[in-house]
Amino acid sequence: MTDDWLEQIKWDGQGLVPAIAQDFRSGRILMMAWMNAESLKLSVEEGRAIYWSRSRGKLWRKGEESGHVQRLHEVRLDCDSDVVLLQVEQLGEIACHTGRESCFYRRLDADRTWQITDDVRKDPESIYAGKGEKS
């Protein structure tokens, strides 16, 4: 099998592409992260979401510390070929390092304040206790 499919993606100047993780059942957007060609290729090969951590400068297998793995169901590319959509099954039902289902848990209200809309499902301290960096 060739990797021609990777060449059709418009990578940015750092060789990255934004990746949106979406719950494959509910359609809810869980998070956004970055991928490089290696992380996207490995995600497809391993059947799980693997991102590129810009802050750590290395591959980040979602859930490697928290156990909240994203099982990959489908990969889509947008019309401009510069964003990928990962349809995933979020194991443990927590995608955010804050202990919430989604990283998008704040909504801008009419009075221009951010309102928290989602409860914490699990205390982040208990998720990451003694495990180093959040994932």
C-alpha atoms as a PDB file:
ATOM      1  CA  MET A   1       0.000   0.000   0.000  1.00  0.00           C
ATOM      2  CA  THR A   2       1.250   3.463  -0.858  1.00  0.00           C
ATOM      3  CA  ASP A   3       1.020   6.633   1.177  1.00  0.00           C
ATOM      4  CA  ASP A   4      -0.264   8.748  -1.735  1.00  0.00           C
ATOM      5  CA  TRP A   5      -3.304   9.655   0.358  1.00  0.00           C
ATOM      6  CA  LEU A   6      -1.055  11.560   2.770  1.00  0.00           C
ATOM      7  CA  GLU A   7       0.348  13.655  -0.082  1.00  0.00           C
ATOM      8  CA  GLN A   8      -3.133  14.948  -0.867  1.00  0.00           C
ATOM      9  CA  ILE A   9      -3.286  16.768   2.477  1.00  0.00           C
ATOM     10  CA  LYS A  10      -2.217  20.418   2.619  1.00  0.00           C
ATOM     11  CA  TRP A  11       0.172  20.391   5.569  1.00  0.00           C
ATOM     12  CA  ASP A  12       1.051  23.764   7.124  1.00  0.00           C
ATOM     13  CA  GLY A  13       4.571  25.215   7.301  1.00  0.00           C
ATOM     14  CA  GLN A  14       5.389  22.982  10.278  1.00  0.00           C
ATOM     15  CA  GLY A  15       4.089  19.872   8.513  1.00  0.00           C
ATOM     16  CA  LEU A  16       0.894  19.813  10.585  1.00  0.00           C
ATOM     17  CA  VAL A  17      -2.833  19.714   9.903  1.00  0.00           C
ATOM     18  CA  PRO A  18      -5.678  20.484  12.345  1.00  0.00           C
ATOM     19  CA  ALA A  19      -7.571  17.363  13.389  1.00  0.00           C
ATOM     20  CA  ILE A  20     -11.070  17.464  14.825  1.00  0.00           C
ATOM     21  CA  ALA A  21     -12.191  14.476  16.891  1.00  0.00           C
ATOM     22  CA  GLN A  22     -15.921  13.806  16.677  1.00  0.00           C
ATOM     23  CA  ASP A  23     -17.935  11.168  18.519  1.00  0.00           C
ATOM     24  CA  PHE A  24     -18.970   8.769  15.764  1.00  0.00           C
ATOM     25  CA  ARG A  25     -22.320   8.011  17.419  1.00  0.00           C
ATOM     26  CA  SER A  26     -23.575  11.382  18.702  1.00  0.00           C
ATOM     27  CA  GLY A  27     -21.725  13.682  16.307  1.00  0.00           C
ATOM     28  CA  ARG A  28     -20.486  15.828  19.204  1.00  0.00           C
ATOM     29  CA  ILE A  29     -17.145  17.544  18.669  1.00  0.00           C
ATOM     30  CA  LEU A  30     -14.818  16.260  21.365  1.00  0.00           C
ATOM     31  CA  MET A  31     -11.563  18.089  20.739  1.00  0.00           C
ATOM     32  CA  MET A  32      -9.155  19.601  18.263  1.00  0.00           C
ATOM     33  CA  ALA A  33      -5.486  18.702  18.059  1.00  0.00           C
ATOM     34  CA  TRP A  34      -2.685  18.649  15.502  1.00  0.00           C
ATOM     35  CA  MET A  35      -1.405  15.788  13.395  1.00  0.00           C
ATOM     36  CA  ASN A  36       1.643  15.315  11.222  1.00  0.00           C
ATOM     37  CA  ALA A  37       1.932  12.712   8.477  1.00  0.00           C
ATOM     38  CA  GLU A  38       3.428  10.139  10.841  1.00  0.00           C
ATOM     39  CA  SER A  39       0.690  10.520  13.462  1.00  0.00           C
ATOM     40  CA  LEU A  40      -2.072  10.306  10.861  1.00  0.00           C
ATOM     41  CA  LYS A  41      -0.526   7.254   9.208  1.00  0.00           C
ATOM     42  CA  LEU A  42      -0.071   5.533  12.584  1.00  0.00           C
ATOM     43  CA  SER A  43      -3.638   6.415  13.583  1.00  0.00           C
ATOM     44  CA  VAL A  44      -4.948   4.603  10.521  1.00  0.00           C
ATOM     45  CA  GLU A  45      -2.598   1.656  11.019  1.00  0.00           C
ATOM     46  CA  GLU A  46      -3.315   1.258  14.752  1.00  0.00           C
ATOM     47  CA  GLY A  47      -7.014   2.168  14.643  1.00  0.00           C
ATOM     48  CA  ARG A  48      -6.680   4.804  17.378  1.00  0.00           C
ATOM     49  CA  ALA A  49      -6.143   8.560  17.459  1.00  0.00           C
ATOM     50  CA  ILE A  50      -2.497   9.574  17.622  1.00  0.00           C
ATOM     51  CA  TYR A  51      -1.703  13.277  17.529  1.00  0.00           C
ATOM     52  CA  TRP A  52       1.379  15.471  17.368  1.00  0.00           C
ATOM     53  CA  SER A  53       1.943  17.357  20.603  1.00  0.00           C
ATOM     54  CA  ARG A  54       3.354  20.754  19.698  1.00  0.00           C
ATOM     55  CA  SER A  55       4.179  21.538  23.334  1.00  0.00           C
ATOM     56  CA  ARG A  56       6.086  18.275  23.854  1.00  0.00           C
ATOM     57  CA  GLY A  57       7.412  17.975  20.308  1.00  0.00           C
ATOM     58  CA  LYS A  58       6.474  14.311  20.024  1.00  0.00           C
ATOM     59  CA  LEU A  59       3.737  11.858  19.103  1.00  0.00           C
ATOM     60  CA  TRP A  60       0.844  11.745  21.556  1.00  0.00           C
ATOM     61  CA  ARG A  61      -1.271   8.625  21.673  1.00  0.00           C
ATOM     62  CA  LYS A  62      -4.545   9.933  23.042  1.00  0.00           C
ATOM     63  CA  GLY A  63      -5.186   8.214  26.344  1.00  0.00           C
ATOM     64  CA  GLU A  64      -1.625   7.014  26.913  1.00  0.00           C
ATOM     65  CA  GLU A  65      -1.703   8.518  30.421  1.00  0.00           C
ATOM     66  CA  SER A  66      -5.429   8.868  31.142  1.00  0.00           C
ATOM     67  CA  GLY A  67      -6.674   5.638  29.593  1.00  0.00           C
ATOM     68  CA  HIS A  68      -9.212   7.687  27.587  1.00  0.00           C
ATOM     69  CA  VAL A  69      -8.292   6.244  24.210  1.00  0.00           C
ATOM     70  CA  GLN A  70     -10.028   7.297  21.001  1.00  0.00           C
ATOM     71  CA  ARG A  71     -10.807   4.273  18.840  1.00  0.00           C
ATOM     72  CA  LEU A  72     -10.753   5.388  15.200  1.00  0.00           C
ATOM     73  CA  HIS A  73     -13.793   4.610  13.050  1.00  0.00           C
ATOM     74  CA  GLU A  74     -13.350   6.904  10.057  1.00  0.00           C
ATOM     75  CA  VAL A  75     -11.080   9.646   8.697  1.00  0.00           C
ATOM     76  CA  ARG A  76     -12.406  12.430   6.492  1.00  0.00           C
ATOM     77  CA  LEU A  77     -10.664  15.274   4.687  1.00  0.00           C
ATOM     78  CA  ASP A  78     -12.343  18.645   4.169  1.00  0.00           C
ATOM     79  CA  CYS A  79     -12.916  20.270   0.775  1.00  0.00           C
ATOM     80  CA  ASP A  80      -9.735  22.383   0.998  1.00  0.00           C
ATOM     81  CA  SER A  81      -7.669  19.363   2.070  1.00  0.00           C
ATOM     82  CA  ASP A  82      -6.382  21.258   5.105  1.00  0.00           C
ATOM     83  CA  VAL A  83      -8.407  19.810   8.000  1.00  0.00           C
ATOM     84  CA  VAL A  84      -9.016  16.194   8.945  1.00  0.00           C
ATOM     85  CA  LEU A  85     -12.025  14.899  10.819  1.00  0.00           C
ATOM     86  CA  LEU A  86     -11.591  11.799  12.938  1.00  0.00           C
ATOM     87  CA  GLN A  87     -14.762   9.980  13.818  1.00  0.00           C
ATOM     88  CA  VAL A  88     -13.905   8.176  17.036  1.00  0.00           C
ATOM     89  CA  GLU A  89     -15.295   6.138  19.855  1.00  0.00           C
ATOM     90  CA  GLN A  90     -14.177   7.887  23.023  1.00  0.00           C
ATOM     91  CA  LEU A  91     -13.359   5.166  25.545  1.00  0.00           C
ATOM     92  CA  GLY A  92     -14.185   6.225  29.084  1.00  0.00           C
ATOM     93  CA  GLU A  93     -16.424   9.027  27.736  1.00  0.00           C
ATOM     94  CA  ILE A  94     -13.861  11.705  28.653  1.00  0.00           C
ATOM     95  CA  ALA A  95     -11.902  13.498  25.931  1.00  0.00           C
ATOM     96  CA  CYS A  96     -10.834  16.629  27.833  1.00  0.00           C
ATOM     97  CA  HIS A  97      -7.997  16.827  30.344  1.00  0.00           C
ATOM     98  CA  THR A  98     -10.431  18.767  32.589  1.00  0.00           C
ATOM     99  CA  GLY A  99     -12.380  15.537  33.105  1.00  0.00           C
ATOM    100  CA  ARG A 100     -15.228  16.503  30.765  1.00  0.00           C
ATOM    101  CA  GLU A 101     -16.668  14.680  27.772  1.00  0.00           C
ATOM    102  CA  SER A 102     -15.633  17.436  25.360  1.00  0.00           C
ATOM    103  CA  CYS A 103     -13.042  20.193  25.334  1.00  0.00           C
ATOM    104  CA  PHE A 104     -15.794  22.478  24.038  1.00  0.00           C
ATOM    105  CA  TYR A 105     -17.647  22.922  27.329  1.00  0.00           C
ATOM    106  CA  ARG A 106     -17.958  26.730  27.367  1.00  0.00           C
ATOM    107  CA  ARG A 107     -20.637  28.658  25.473  1.00  0.00           C
ATOM    108  CA  LEU A 108     -20.655  32.399  24.798  1.00  0.00           C
ATOM    109  CA  ASP A 109     -23.907  33.806  26.147  1.00  0.00           C
ATOM    110  CA  ALA A 110     -25.778  36.921  25.015  1.00  0.00           C
ATOM    111  CA  ASP A 111     -24.051  38.995  27.710  1.00  0.00           C
ATOM    112  CA  ARG A 112     -20.667  38.025  26.192  1.00  0.00           C
ATOM    113  CA  THR A 113     -19.565  35.819  29.062  1.00  0.00           C
ATOM    114  CA  TRP A 114     -18.408  32.226  28.804  1.00  0.00           C
ATOM    115  CA  GLN A 115     -20.765  29.854  30.564  1.00  0.00           C
ATOM    116  CA  ILE A 116     -19.696  26.345  31.535  1.00  0.00           C
ATOM    117  CA  THR A 117     -22.216  23.924  30.048  1.00  0.00           C
ATOM    118  CA  ASP A 118     -20.760  20.497  30.922  1.00  0.00           C
ATOM    119  CA  ASP A 119     -20.099  18.961  34.310  1.00  0.00           C
ATOM    120  CA  VAL A 120     -16.783  17.364  35.185  1.00  0.00           C
ATOM    121  CA  ARG A 121     -17.256  13.593  34.868  1.00  0.00           C
ATOM    122  CA  LYS A 122     -14.088  12.679  36.714  1.00  0.00           C
ATOM    123  CA  ASP A 123     -11.660  14.753  38.755  1.00  0.00           C
ATOM    124  CA  PRO A 124      -8.560  15.360  36.616  1.00  0.00           C
ATOM    125  CA  GLU A 125      -6.352  14.896  39.692  1.00  0.00           C
ATOM    126  CA  SER A 126      -7.547  11.299  39.976  1.00  0.00           C
ATOM    127  CA  ILE A 127      -7.080  10.715  36.245  1.00  0.00           C
ATOM    128  CA  TYR A 128      -3.493  11.957  36.071  1.00  0.00           C
ATOM    129  CA  ALA A 129      -2.247  11.411  39.637  1.00  0.00           C
ATOM    130  CA  GLY A 130       1.380  10.383  39.408  1.00  0.00           C
ATOM    131  CA  LYS A 131       1.205   9.884  35.658  1.00  0.00           C
ATOM    132  CA  GLY A 132       3.041  12.969  34.433  1.00  0.00           C
ATOM    133  CA  GLU A 133       1.608  15.013  31.588  1.00  0.00           C
ATOM    134  CA  LYS A 134      -2.030  15.178  30.656  1.00  0.00           C
ATOM    135  CA  SER A 135      -3.267  13.434  27.514  1.00  0.00           C
END
